[in-house]
Amino acid sequence: MLFKDIIGQEAVKQHLAEMVQHNRLSHALLFLGKEGSGALPLAIAFSQLVICQPTASEPVADLFGGFTPMQSGPAYVGPDEIISQSSFSRAEQLIHPDLHFSYPVIPRKAGDKPISTDYISEWREFIKQYPYGNVYDWLQFIGAENKQGNITAHECNDIIHKLSLKSFESEYKVLVLWMPEYLGKEGNKLLKLIEEPPPNTLFILVAESEEQILPTILSRCQLVKIPMPDDKEIEAALLSRAKASPETARQIAAIAEGNYREALQLLQHAEEDWQSLLRDWLNATLKGGPLAQIRFTAEISELGREKQKQFLRYFNHLLETSIRIRVLGTEKVHTGDQERDFAVRLNKIASVSQQQAIIEELDRASYYIERNANAKMLFQALTLKLYHIIQNKTLILNT
């Protein structure tokens, strides 16, 4: 995986390349980026850049400020040139002996003490198919269903063992630890190794939530913040990689808000008529009464978790569009005619403060959906909350 395979992130890529080139690399890095930002593929591309640096016989300054033997010739190979290195093919396939991974796993059967290596074949295939996938995608990929993934004490012991060995081919050993949020207190087993690693050992932690990482681990890492790609970058990726039509790519990019994983999910269900479903919900909420609300709740609870989240995200997108129209005017907000008309109608239903209150409720509902909340109960409660927020605004959204 090359830096050019990562959507956007040009400033971060340049910063990372310069860290390697000028020997300013910490022994423990934390790549912090929200779902869909590309933090994981960027970490993998960076680990391959480090692994594929040429080895040699003459001592030169190494990445960590000491000295290490390197061959005559260039001491640094850039992100786009590492493809010429003999080690790149193995690194790209994630089979390089000095490139290690750790991630949440599940026991295959009762009593198992699984480690990441047990799932390495599945991991390689997952990264190949879903480089922007989240932990839910990964756990479903390995058949977790409702099981909770973990990075266990047994895994920590395996990490310590693997990194205590000398490197095989590269000057460096690299561990990419994805989702350190899944480390419980047993993560403290890694503190000494992270703080005082063996020579030429690099930890790359990849996380979505800084607050859920053990503070003792967080304090030992150099933070690398991964921003969300902008809408234009997502739109371009949908056009070139997913072969979406220009209009579909533009609309999805606006809704996804930089989350390429979400953009692909939306593209997969691009034919879903979220607007009609939303119109039905609002009419049931404001005018239909309890029976209409119950019917809607039953209908949406059958959609499944991913579609429920996409539906709420679409509602959020329309509310945000409504607010922009209110502030900037319809002529300065670029969106489809149907969306613009619906957004204008939303402005007649609710004030800015009411719209903001609804956005907060939708975000909260998405959070609970992600954590397997009962869909019927959640949407029934959400319907009542929406009614109370806009109870004095009862415009019917006609087709």
Protein backbone atom coordinates (compact mmCIF):
# COMPACT_ATOMS: atom_id res chain seq x y z
CA MET A 1 0.00 0.00 0.00
CA LEU A 2 1.40 3.35 -1.03
CA PHE A 3 0.69 6.83 0.26
CA LYS A 4 -0.99 7.62 -3.06
CA ASP A 5 -3.56 4.90 -2.31
CA ILE A 6 -4.80 6.91 0.69
CA ILE A 7 -7.57 9.45 0.08
CA GLY A 8 -6.38 12.98 0.82
CA GLN A 9 -4.19 13.51 3.91
CA GLU A 10 -1.46 15.24 1.89
CA ALA A 11 -0.13 17.27 4.83
CA VAL A 12 0.01 14.21 7.08
CA LYS A 13 1.74 12.15 4.39
CA GLN A 14 4.39 14.80 3.93
CA HIS A 15 4.92 15.07 7.69
CA LEU A 16 5.32 11.30 8.06
CA ALA A 17 7.72 11.04 5.13
CA GLU A 18 9.86 13.83 6.57
CA MET A 19 9.94 12.09 9.95
CA VAL A 20 11.54 9.07 8.29
CA GLN A 21 13.79 11.04 5.98
CA HIS A 22 15.19 13.27 8.73
CA ASN A 23 15.34 10.64 11.49
CA ARG A 24 12.76 12.31 13.71
CA LEU A 25 10.62 9.24 14.36
CA SER A 26 9.37 8.42 17.85
CA HIS A 27 9.38 4.76 18.88
CA ALA A 28 5.61 4.90 19.60
CA LEU A 29 3.10 6.77 17.43
CA LEU A 30 -0.65 7.11 17.90
CA PHE A 31 -2.59 7.66 14.67
CA LEU A 32 -5.84 9.22 15.87
CA GLY A 33 -8.61 9.51 13.30
CA LYS A 34 -12.36 9.01 13.23
CA GLU A 35 -14.03 6.14 11.40
CA GLY A 36 -13.59 6.42 7.65
CA SER A 37 -10.72 8.91 7.84
CA GLY A 38 -8.18 6.42 6.53
CA ALA A 39 -6.08 6.21 9.70
CA LEU A 40 -5.59 2.44 9.38
CA PRO A 41 -4.56 2.30 5.69
CA LEU A 42 -2.32 5.32 6.29
CA ALA A 43 -0.66 3.53 9.23
CA ILE A 44 -0.14 0.43 7.09
CA ALA A 45 1.33 2.49 4.23
CA PHE A 46 3.63 4.24 6.72
CA SER A 47 4.73 0.96 8.31
CA GLN A 48 5.61 -0.34 4.85
CA LEU A 49 7.61 2.82 4.16
CA VAL A 50 9.66 2.17 7.29
CA ILE A 51 10.04 -1.57 6.67
CA CYS A 52 11.18 -1.05 3.07
CA GLN A 53 13.98 1.40 3.81
CA PRO A 54 17.24 -0.04 2.45
CA THR A 55 19.60 -1.93 4.71
CA ALA A 56 23.35 -1.61 4.47
CA SER A 57 26.84 -1.97 5.78
CA GLU A 58 28.03 1.53 6.63
CA PRO A 59 26.83 3.12 9.89
CA VAL A 60 24.53 6.10 9.47
CA ALA A 61 22.04 7.80 11.77
CA ASP A 62 18.97 5.62 12.20
CA LEU A 63 15.35 6.64 12.68
CA PHE A 64 15.72 6.77 16.44
CA GLY A 65 18.79 8.97 16.71
CA GLY A 66 21.34 6.18 17.11
CA PHE A 67 23.43 4.51 14.44
CA THR A 68 22.61 1.53 12.28
CA PRO A 69 24.34 -0.06 9.29
CA MET A 70 23.02 0.94 5.88
CA GLN A 71 24.16 0.18 2.36
CA SER A 72 26.03 2.60 0.18
CA GLY A 73 23.72 4.67 -1.94
CA PRO A 74 20.52 6.38 -0.85
CA ALA A 75 19.82 6.17 2.89
CA TYR A 76 16.17 7.04 2.32
CA VAL A 77 13.60 5.81 -0.19
CA GLY A 78 10.49 7.95 -0.56
CA PRO A 79 6.84 6.81 -0.32
CA ASP A 80 6.40 6.41 -4.08
CA GLU A 81 9.80 4.79 -4.65
CA ILE A 82 9.58 1.93 -2.14
CA ILE A 83 7.84 -0.16 -4.80
CA SER A 84 11.33 -0.65 -6.28
CA GLN A 85 12.55 -2.33 -3.09
CA SER A 86 12.69 -6.13 -3.09
CA SER A 87 10.89 -6.21 0.27
CA PHE A 88 7.90 -4.19 -0.91
CA SER A 89 5.97 -7.09 -2.41
CA ARG A 90 5.97 -8.96 0.92
CA ALA A 91 5.15 -5.79 2.84
CA GLU A 92 2.30 -4.99 0.48
CA GLN A 93 0.82 -8.47 0.97
CA LEU A 94 1.24 -8.09 4.77
CA ILE A 95 3.51 -11.14 4.89
CA HIS A 96 6.79 -9.36 5.66
CA PRO A 97 8.36 -11.11 8.70
CA ASP A 98 9.16 -7.79 10.41
CA LEU A 99 5.66 -6.33 10.05
CA HIS A 100 3.27 -7.38 12.83
CA PHE A 101 -0.38 -6.61 13.57
CA SER A 102 -2.63 -6.67 16.60
CA TYR A 103 -6.41 -6.17 16.56
CA PRO A 104 -9.56 -7.23 18.42
CA VAL A 105 -10.39 -10.92 18.04
CA ILE A 106 -12.93 -13.40 19.38
CA PRO A 107 -12.60 -17.00 20.62
CA ARG A 108 -13.56 -19.53 17.97
CA LYS A 109 -14.93 -21.82 20.67
CA ALA A 110 -15.40 -21.81 24.42
CA GLY A 111 -12.14 -21.83 26.32
CA ASP A 112 -10.04 -20.50 23.44
CA LYS A 113 -7.40 -17.86 24.13
CA PRO A 114 -7.16 -16.31 20.67
CA ILE A 115 -4.39 -14.02 19.48
CA SER A 116 -4.25 -11.86 16.38
CA THR A 117 -1.96 -14.31 14.57
CA ASP A 118 -4.79 -16.85 14.63
CA TYR A 119 -6.73 -14.53 12.31
CA ILE A 120 -3.90 -13.25 10.12
CA SER A 121 -5.28 -14.80 6.90
CA GLU A 122 -8.65 -13.17 7.50
CA TRP A 123 -6.90 -9.90 8.39
CA ARG A 124 -4.97 -9.79 5.12
CA GLU A 125 -8.15 -10.41 3.15
CA PHE A 126 -10.07 -7.81 5.18
CA ILE A 127 -7.48 -5.11 4.54
CA LYS A 128 -7.51 -6.00 0.84
CA GLN A 129 -11.30 -5.73 0.59
CA TYR A 130 -12.18 -3.12 3.23
CA PRO A 131 -9.16 -0.89 3.99
CA TYR A 132 -11.55 1.80 5.29
CA GLY A 133 -13.67 -0.65 7.31
CA ASN A 134 -14.41 -0.17 10.99
CA VAL A 135 -14.19 -2.61 13.88
CA TYR A 136 -17.81 -3.68 13.39
CA ASP A 137 -17.00 -4.65 9.79
CA TRP A 138 -13.97 -6.60 10.98
CA LEU A 139 -15.81 -8.52 13.68
CA GLN A 140 -18.59 -9.41 11.24
CA PHE A 141 -15.94 -10.46 8.72
CA ILE A 142 -14.62 -13.07 11.17
CA GLY A 143 -18.10 -14.23 12.16
CA ALA A 144 -18.35 -12.55 15.55
CA GLU A 145 -22.11 -11.89 15.21
CA ASN A 146 -22.93 -10.49 18.68
CA LYS A 147 -19.64 -11.47 20.34
CA GLN A 148 -17.45 -8.70 21.74
CA GLY A 149 -13.95 -8.45 20.32
CA ASN A 150 -11.01 -7.93 22.66
CA ILE A 151 -7.26 -7.45 22.77
CA THR A 152 -6.45 -9.71 25.70
CA ALA A 153 -3.61 -10.26 28.15
CA HIS A 154 -2.73 -13.36 26.11
CA GLU A 155 -2.35 -11.11 23.05
CA CYS A 156 -0.17 -8.68 25.02
CA ASN A 157 2.14 -11.53 26.01
CA ASP A 158 2.40 -12.57 22.36
CA ILE A 159 3.28 -8.99 21.35
CA ILE A 160 6.05 -8.90 23.95
CA HIS A 161 7.42 -12.21 22.69
CA LYS A 162 7.34 -11.24 18.99
CA LEU A 163 9.02 -7.90 19.51
CA SER A 164 11.73 -9.36 21.70
CA LEU A 165 13.09 -11.22 18.66
CA LYS A 166 15.62 -9.70 16.26
CA SER A 167 14.35 -8.41 12.95
CA PHE A 168 14.63 -10.87 10.06
CA GLU A 169 15.17 -8.71 6.98
CA SER A 170 14.50 -5.06 7.68
CA GLU A 171 16.42 -2.79 9.99
CA TYR A 172 13.17 -2.31 11.89
CA LYS A 173 10.37 -4.28 13.48
CA VAL A 174 6.98 -2.59 13.27
CA LEU A 175 3.79 -3.41 15.16
CA VAL A 176 0.51 -1.86 14.00
CA LEU A 177 -1.97 -2.13 16.89
CA TRP A 178 -5.47 -1.30 15.65
CA MET A 179 -8.13 -0.13 18.11
CA PRO A 180 -6.18 0.16 21.40
CA GLU A 181 -9.58 1.15 22.84
CA TYR A 182 -10.15 -2.62 23.12
CA LEU A 183 -7.23 -3.00 25.51
CA GLY A 184 -8.43 -3.36 29.07
CA LYS A 185 -6.20 -2.96 32.09
CA GLU A 186 -4.12 -5.81 30.73
CA GLY A 187 -2.76 -3.23 28.30
CA ASN A 188 -0.51 -2.09 31.12
CA LYS A 189 1.55 -5.19 30.33
CA LEU A 190 2.82 -3.29 27.29
CA LEU A 191 3.93 -0.14 29.12
CA LYS A 192 7.55 -1.10 29.64
CA LEU A 193 7.85 -2.38 26.08
CA ILE A 194 6.35 0.82 24.65
CA GLU A 195 8.49 3.05 26.84
CA GLU A 196 11.74 1.12 26.42
CA PRO A 197 11.38 -1.01 23.27
CA PRO A 198 14.16 -3.15 21.81
CA PRO A 199 16.39 -1.30 19.31
CA ASN A 200 14.73 -0.30 16.03
CA THR A 201 11.25 -1.27 17.15
CA LEU A 202 8.31 0.92 16.17
CA PHE A 203 4.81 0.86 17.66
CA ILE A 204 1.99 2.36 15.60
CA LEU A 205 -1.30 2.52 17.47
CA VAL A 206 -4.39 3.35 15.39
CA ALA A 207 -7.40 4.65 17.32
CA GLU A 208 -10.70 6.45 16.85
CA SER A 209 -11.32 7.69 20.41
CA GLU A 210 -8.56 9.24 22.49
CA GLU A 211 -10.75 9.13 25.62
CA GLN A 212 -11.06 5.33 25.54
CA ILE A 213 -7.32 4.63 25.47
CA LEU A 214 -5.52 3.81 28.71
CA PRO A 215 -3.93 7.08 29.89
CA THR A 216 -0.71 5.22 30.74
CA ILE A 217 -0.39 4.16 27.09
CA LEU A 218 -1.55 7.50 25.68
CA SER A 219 1.13 9.40 27.59
CA ARG A 220 3.88 7.28 26.01
CA CYS A 221 2.90 7.92 22.39
CA GLN A 222 3.55 10.73 19.94
CA LEU A 223 0.18 11.85 18.61
CA VAL A 224 -0.47 12.03 14.86
CA LYS A 225 -3.94 13.44 14.18
CA ILE A 226 -5.65 12.19 11.03
CA PRO A 227 -8.32 14.66 9.82
CA MET A 228 -11.37 13.67 7.81
CA PRO A 229 -10.94 14.03 4.03
CA ASP A 230 -12.93 16.91 2.61
CA ASP A 231 -16.05 16.43 0.48
CA LYS A 232 -14.19 17.00 -2.80
CA GLU A 233 -11.67 14.27 -1.97
CA ILE A 234 -14.46 11.83 -1.09
CA GLU A 235 -16.32 12.76 -4.28
CA ALA A 236 -13.20 12.20 -6.39
CA ALA A 237 -12.59 8.82 -4.73
CA LEU A 238 -16.16 7.71 -5.39
CA LEU A 239 -15.77 8.69 -9.03
CA SER A 240 -12.39 7.05 -9.63
CA ARG A 241 -12.50 4.06 -7.28
CA ALA A 242 -16.16 3.18 -6.89
CA LYS A 243 -17.20 4.31 -10.39
CA ALA A 244 -20.15 6.30 -9.06
CA SER A 245 -21.95 8.75 -11.34
CA PRO A 246 -21.01 12.42 -10.83
CA GLU A 247 -24.39 13.36 -9.31
CA THR A 248 -24.43 10.34 -6.98
CA ALA A 249 -20.82 10.98 -5.92
CA ARG A 250 -21.59 14.61 -5.13
CA GLN A 251 -24.68 13.82 -3.07
CA ILE A 252 -23.04 10.98 -1.13
CA ALA A 253 -19.91 13.02 -0.42
CA ALA A 254 -22.08 15.76 1.10
CA ILE A 255 -23.83 13.26 3.37
CA ALA A 256 -20.76 11.21 4.35
CA GLU A 257 -18.89 14.27 5.70
CA GLY A 258 -15.43 12.86 5.05
CA ASN A 259 -16.19 9.29 6.15
CA TYR A 260 -15.22 7.17 3.14
CA ARG A 261 -16.44 3.98 4.80
CA GLU A 262 -19.87 5.57 5.20
CA ALA A 263 -19.71 6.87 1.64
CA LEU A 264 -19.26 3.34 0.32
CA GLN A 265 -22.14 2.13 2.47
CA LEU A 266 -24.35 4.91 1.11
CA LEU A 267 -23.31 4.08 -2.44
CA GLN A 268 -24.23 0.46 -1.89
CA HIS A 269 -27.74 1.57 -0.93
CA ALA A 270 -27.94 4.54 -3.28
CA GLU A 271 -31.31 3.37 -4.55
CA GLU A 272 -32.89 3.59 -1.10
CA ASP A 273 -35.55 6.29 -0.98
CA TRP A 274 -34.53 7.82 2.34
CA GLN A 275 -36.48 11.00 1.57
CA SER A 276 -39.81 9.19 1.26
CA LEU A 277 -39.09 7.24 4.44
CA LEU A 278 -38.23 10.46 6.26
CA ARG A 279 -41.39 12.13 4.99
CA ASP A 280 -43.43 9.18 6.29
CA TRP A 281 -41.73 9.39 9.67
CA LEU A 282 -42.29 13.09 10.13
CA ASN A 283 -45.93 12.88 9.06
CA ALA A 284 -46.48 9.92 11.40
CA THR A 285 -44.76 11.84 14.20
CA LEU A 286 -46.59 15.13 13.72
CA LYS A 287 -50.00 14.11 12.38
CA GLY A 288 -50.40 10.36 12.22
CA GLY A 289 -50.88 9.55 15.87
CA PRO A 290 -49.76 6.49 17.86
CA LEU A 291 -50.81 3.84 15.33
CA ALA A 292 -48.91 5.49 12.47
CA GLN A 293 -45.88 5.89 14.73
CA ILE A 294 -45.97 2.22 15.72
CA ARG A 295 -46.21 1.19 12.05
CA PHE A 296 -43.19 3.30 11.18
CA THR A 297 -41.21 1.96 14.14
CA ALA A 298 -41.95 -1.62 13.04
CA GLU A 299 -40.92 -0.81 9.46
CA ILE A 300 -37.59 0.79 10.27
CA SER A 301 -36.65 -1.79 12.89
CA GLU A 302 -36.59 -4.36 10.08
CA LEU A 303 -33.98 -2.48 8.05
CA GLY A 304 -30.93 -3.56 10.01
CA ARG A 305 -28.38 -1.54 11.90
CA GLU A 306 -26.35 -0.14 8.99
CA LYS A 307 -29.39 1.11 7.09
CA GLN A 308 -30.83 2.64 10.27
CA LYS A 309 -27.61 4.59 10.78
CA GLN A 310 -27.61 5.72 7.16
CA PHE A 311 -31.21 6.88 7.45
CA LEU A 312 -30.38 8.98 10.54
CA ARG A 313 -27.29 10.35 8.82
CA TYR A 314 -29.42 11.38 5.83
CA PHE A 315 -31.85 13.19 8.15
CA ASN A 316 -28.91 14.95 9.77
CA HIS A 317 -27.61 15.96 6.36
CA LEU A 318 -30.97 17.53 5.43
CA LEU A 319 -31.15 19.38 8.74
CA GLU A 320 -27.66 20.78 8.25
CA THR A 321 -28.61 21.77 4.69
CA SER A 322 -31.70 23.52 6.10
CA ILE A 323 -29.57 25.54 8.48
CA ARG A 324 -27.16 26.52 5.67
CA ILE A 325 -30.10 27.61 3.50
CA ARG A 326 -31.43 29.71 6.35
CA VAL A 327 -28.05 31.42 6.78
CA LEU A 328 -26.75 31.61 3.19
CA GLY A 329 -29.91 31.47 1.09
CA THR A 330 -31.02 28.76 -1.33
CA GLU A 331 -28.94 30.04 -4.25
CA LYS A 332 -25.64 29.56 -2.36
CA VAL A 333 -26.32 26.00 -1.14
CA HIS A 334 -25.41 23.46 -3.80
CA THR A 335 -27.66 20.42 -3.61
CA GLY A 336 -30.28 18.60 -5.68
CA ASP A 337 -33.66 20.20 -6.32
CA GLN A 338 -35.58 17.61 -4.29
CA GLU A 339 -33.22 17.91 -1.34
CA ARG A 340 -33.36 21.70 -1.48
CA ASP A 341 -37.16 21.65 -1.48
CA PHE A 342 -37.26 19.23 1.44
CA ALA A 343 -34.72 21.30 3.38
CA VAL A 344 -36.80 24.45 2.85
CA ARG A 345 -39.85 22.60 4.21
CA LEU A 346 -37.82 21.55 7.27
CA ASN A 347 -37.13 25.21 7.94
CA LYS A 348 -40.91 25.75 8.11
CA ILE A 349 -41.25 22.91 10.63
CA ALA A 350 -38.49 23.86 13.06
CA SER A 351 -36.33 26.77 14.09
CA VAL A 352 -32.53 26.58 14.14
CA SER A 353 -32.49 25.74 17.85
CA GLN A 354 -35.07 23.00 17.28
CA GLN A 355 -33.08 21.63 14.35
CA GLN A 356 -29.94 21.57 16.46
CA ALA A 357 -31.80 19.74 19.22
CA ILE A 358 -32.98 17.14 16.66
CA ILE A 359 -29.43 16.71 15.33
CA GLU A 360 -28.23 15.96 18.86
CA GLU A 361 -30.96 13.36 19.31
CA LEU A 362 -30.13 11.73 15.98
CA ASP A 363 -26.43 11.57 16.87
CA ARG A 364 -27.31 10.02 20.21
CA ALA A 365 -29.56 7.46 18.52
CA SER A 366 -26.79 6.51 16.08
CA TYR A 367 -24.46 5.98 19.03
CA TYR A 368 -26.89 3.55 20.63
CA ILE A 369 -27.61 1.76 17.35
CA GLU A 370 -23.88 1.12 17.04
CA ARG A 371 -24.07 -0.54 20.45
CA ASN A 372 -26.92 -2.89 19.55
CA ALA A 373 -29.80 -0.98 21.13
CA ASN A 374 -33.28 -2.44 20.59
CA ALA A 375 -34.41 -0.74 17.37
CA LYS A 376 -38.14 -0.65 18.15
CA MET A 377 -37.63 0.88 21.58
CA LEU A 378 -35.03 3.33 20.28
CA PHE A 379 -37.11 4.66 17.37
CA GLN A 380 -40.28 4.81 19.47
CA ALA A 381 -38.46 6.92 22.05
CA LEU A 382 -36.87 9.03 19.31
CA THR A 383 -40.27 9.63 17.68
CA LEU A 384 -41.66 10.94 20.98
CA LYS A 385 -38.65 13.20 21.45
CA LEU A 386 -39.04 14.65 17.96
CA TYR A 387 -42.72 15.29 18.61
CA HIS A 388 -41.98 17.21 21.80
CA ILE A 389 -39.20 19.22 20.13
CA ILE A 390 -41.46 20.41 17.28
CA GLN A 391 -44.94 19.86 18.74
CA ASN A 392 -46.14 23.32 17.79
CA LYS A 393 -45.04 22.99 14.16
CA THR A 394 -47.30 20.57 12.33
CA LEU A 395 -46.82 21.24 8.63
CA ILE A 396 -47.60 18.17 6.53
CA LEU A 397 -44.74 17.23 4.18
CA ASN A 398 -46.75 16.47 1.06
CA THR A 399 -45.29 14.49 -1.81
